[in-house]
């Protein structure tokens, strides 16, 4: 799931199978946007490690390097709630 603008996202009673990162909300750097009110309820993740990843890197998480500073194009995530993740 890649988000690039202000969105309210609700996931309920969903199953995620055979994914590299399970549930991984992300937005590409440079797109700037506030992603808020993300809610997940009764979610099942099978054959994914880790089940949930939250990172500021999208679409690819670097294997090495240094942290990058917040800039005008840095996406902002807030109000994320996950309940009953198995």
C-alpha atoms as a PDB file:
ATOM      1  CA  UNK A   1       0.000   0.000   0.000  1.00  0.00           C
ATOM      2  CA  UNK A   2       1.594   3.261  -1.097  1.00  0.00           C
ATOM      3  CA  UNK A   3      -0.052   6.502  -0.048  1.00  0.00           C
ATOM      4  CA  UNK A   4       0.855   9.905  -1.433  1.00  0.00           C
ATOM      5  CA  UNK A   5      -1.734  12.343  -0.159  1.00  0.00           C
ATOM      6  CA  UNK A   6      -3.953  12.907   2.834  1.00  0.00           C
ATOM      7  CA  UNK A   7      -6.008   9.763   3.230  1.00  0.00           C
ATOM      8  CA  UNK A   8      -8.089   8.008   5.798  1.00  0.00           C
ATOM      9  CA  UNK A   9      -7.480   4.273   5.547  1.00  0.00           C
ATOM     10  CA  UNK A  10      -9.507   1.565   7.258  1.00  0.00           C
ATOM     11  CA  UNK A  11      -8.686  -2.113   7.093  1.00  0.00           C
ATOM     12  CA  UNK A  12     -10.947  -4.616   8.838  1.00  0.00           C
ATOM     13  CA  UNK A  13     -11.037  -8.412   8.906  1.00  0.00           C
ATOM     14  CA  UNK A  14      -8.401  -8.654   6.177  1.00  0.00           C
ATOM     15  CA  UNK A  15      -5.828 -11.381   5.554  1.00  0.00           C
ATOM     16  CA  UNK A  16      -2.395 -10.661   4.070  1.00  0.00           C
ATOM     17  CA  UNK A  17      -0.596 -13.709   2.625  1.00  0.00           C
ATOM     18  CA  UNK A  18       2.964 -14.276   1.390  1.00  0.00           C
ATOM     19  CA  UNK A  19       4.164 -10.675   1.462  1.00  0.00           C
ATOM     20  CA  UNK A  20       7.745  -9.519   1.897  1.00  0.00           C
ATOM     21  CA  UNK A  21       6.856  -7.013   4.643  1.00  0.00           C
ATOM     22  CA  UNK A  22       3.271  -7.840   5.643  1.00  0.00           C
ATOM     23  CA  UNK A  23       1.464  -4.576   6.284  1.00  0.00           C
ATOM     24  CA  UNK A  24       3.698  -1.684   5.256  1.00  0.00           C
ATOM     25  CA  UNK A  25       2.092   1.721   4.840  1.00  0.00           C
ATOM     26  CA  UNK A  26       4.396   4.048   2.950  1.00  0.00           C
ATOM     27  CA  UNK A  27       4.608   7.180   0.885  1.00  0.00           C
ATOM     28  CA  UNK A  28       7.491   8.114  -1.419  1.00  0.00           C
ATOM     29  CA  UNK A  29       9.784  10.870  -0.190  1.00  0.00           C
ATOM     30  CA  UNK A  30       9.232  14.064  -2.119  1.00  0.00           C
ATOM     31  CA  UNK A  31       5.472  13.592  -2.458  1.00  0.00           C
ATOM     32  CA  UNK A  32       4.780  15.419   0.822  1.00  0.00           C
ATOM     33  CA  UNK A  33       1.514  14.604   2.404  1.00  0.00           C
ATOM     34  CA  UNK A  34      -0.155  13.929   5.692  1.00  0.00           C
ATOM     35  CA  UNK A  35      -1.441  10.410   6.028  1.00  0.00           C
ATOM     36  CA  UNK A  36      -3.666  10.137   9.070  1.00  0.00           C
ATOM     37  CA  UNK A  37      -6.538   8.226  10.591  1.00  0.00           C
ATOM     38  CA  UNK A  38      -5.219   4.828   9.534  1.00  0.00           C
ATOM     39  CA  UNK A  39      -7.046   2.063  11.373  1.00  0.00           C
ATOM     40  CA  UNK A  40      -6.550  -1.696  11.241  1.00  0.00           C
ATOM     41  CA  UNK A  41      -8.857  -4.106  13.085  1.00  0.00           C
ATOM     42  CA  UNK A  42      -8.813  -7.912  13.178  1.00  0.00           C
ATOM     43  CA  UNK A  43      -5.987  -8.362  10.677  1.00  0.00           C
ATOM     44  CA  UNK A  44      -4.202 -11.615   9.917  1.00  0.00           C
ATOM     45  CA  UNK A  45      -0.718 -11.785   8.392  1.00  0.00           C
ATOM     46  CA  UNK A  46       0.559 -15.174   7.199  1.00  0.00           C
ATOM     47  CA  UNK A  47       3.998 -15.949   5.748  1.00  0.00           C
ATOM     48  CA  UNK A  48       5.355 -12.419   6.110  1.00  0.00           C
ATOM     49  CA  UNK A  49       8.271 -11.281   8.256  1.00  0.00           C
ATOM     50  CA  UNK A  50       7.820  -8.813   9.818  1.00  0.00           C
ATOM     51  CA  UNK A  51       4.021  -8.629  10.048  1.00  0.00           C
ATOM     52  CA  UNK A  52       4.037  -4.814  10.300  1.00  0.00           C
ATOM     53  CA  UNK A  53       6.678  -2.357   9.099  1.00  0.00           C
ATOM     54  CA  UNK A  54       6.554   1.421   9.456  1.00  0.00           C
ATOM     55  CA  UNK A  55       9.426   3.224   7.822  1.00  0.00           C
ATOM     56  CA  UNK A  56      10.081   6.538   6.166  1.00  0.00           C
ATOM     57  CA  UNK A  57      11.672   4.812   3.192  1.00  0.00           C
ATOM     58  CA  UNK A  58       9.495   3.880   0.241  1.00  0.00           C
ATOM     59  CA  UNK A  59       9.464   2.052  -2.075  1.00  0.00           C
ATOM     60  CA  UNK A  60      12.707   0.393  -0.908  1.00  0.00           C
ATOM     61  CA  UNK A  61      14.277   0.245   2.533  1.00  0.00           C
ATOM     62  CA  UNK A  62      18.059   0.768   2.207  1.00  0.00           C
ATOM     63  CA  UNK A  63      20.364  -1.839   3.721  1.00  0.00           C
ATOM     64  CA  UNK A  64      22.875   0.788   4.863  1.00  0.00           C
ATOM     65  CA  UNK A  65      23.398   4.525   4.931  1.00  0.00           C
ATOM     66  CA  UNK A  66      22.673   7.459   7.155  1.00  0.00           C
ATOM     67  CA  UNK A  67      19.388   8.969   8.213  1.00  0.00           C
ATOM     68  CA  UNK A  68      18.070  11.752   6.020  1.00  0.00           C
ATOM     69  CA  UNK A  69      16.700  14.973   7.517  1.00  0.00           C
ATOM     70  CA  UNK A  70      13.090  16.071   7.343  1.00  0.00           C
ATOM     71  CA  UNK A  71      12.526  18.214   4.268  1.00  0.00           C
ATOM     72  CA  UNK A  72       9.480  19.858   2.721  1.00  0.00           C
ATOM     73  CA  UNK A  73       8.719  16.691   0.743  1.00  0.00           C
ATOM     74  CA  UNK A  74       8.900  14.298   3.703  1.00  0.00           C
ATOM     75  CA  UNK A  75       5.584  12.469   4.246  1.00  0.00           C
ATOM     76  CA  UNK A  76       4.026  12.715   7.702  1.00  0.00           C
ATOM     77  CA  UNK A  77       2.179   9.806   9.314  1.00  0.00           C
ATOM     78  CA  UNK A  78      -0.022  10.207  12.382  1.00  0.00           C
ATOM     79  CA  UNK A  79      -2.971   8.647  14.177  1.00  0.00           C
ATOM     80  CA  UNK A  80      -2.215   5.039  13.215  1.00  0.00           C
ATOM     81  CA  UNK A  81      -4.043   2.364  15.225  1.00  0.00           C
ATOM     82  CA  UNK A  82      -3.739  -1.406  14.830  1.00  0.00           C
ATOM     83  CA  UNK A  83      -5.872  -3.739  16.953  1.00  0.00           C
ATOM     84  CA  UNK A  84      -5.880  -7.528  17.034  1.00  0.00           C
ATOM     85  CA  UNK A  85      -3.061  -8.296  14.610  1.00  0.00           C
ATOM     86  CA  UNK A  86      -2.330 -12.017  14.361  1.00  0.00           C
END
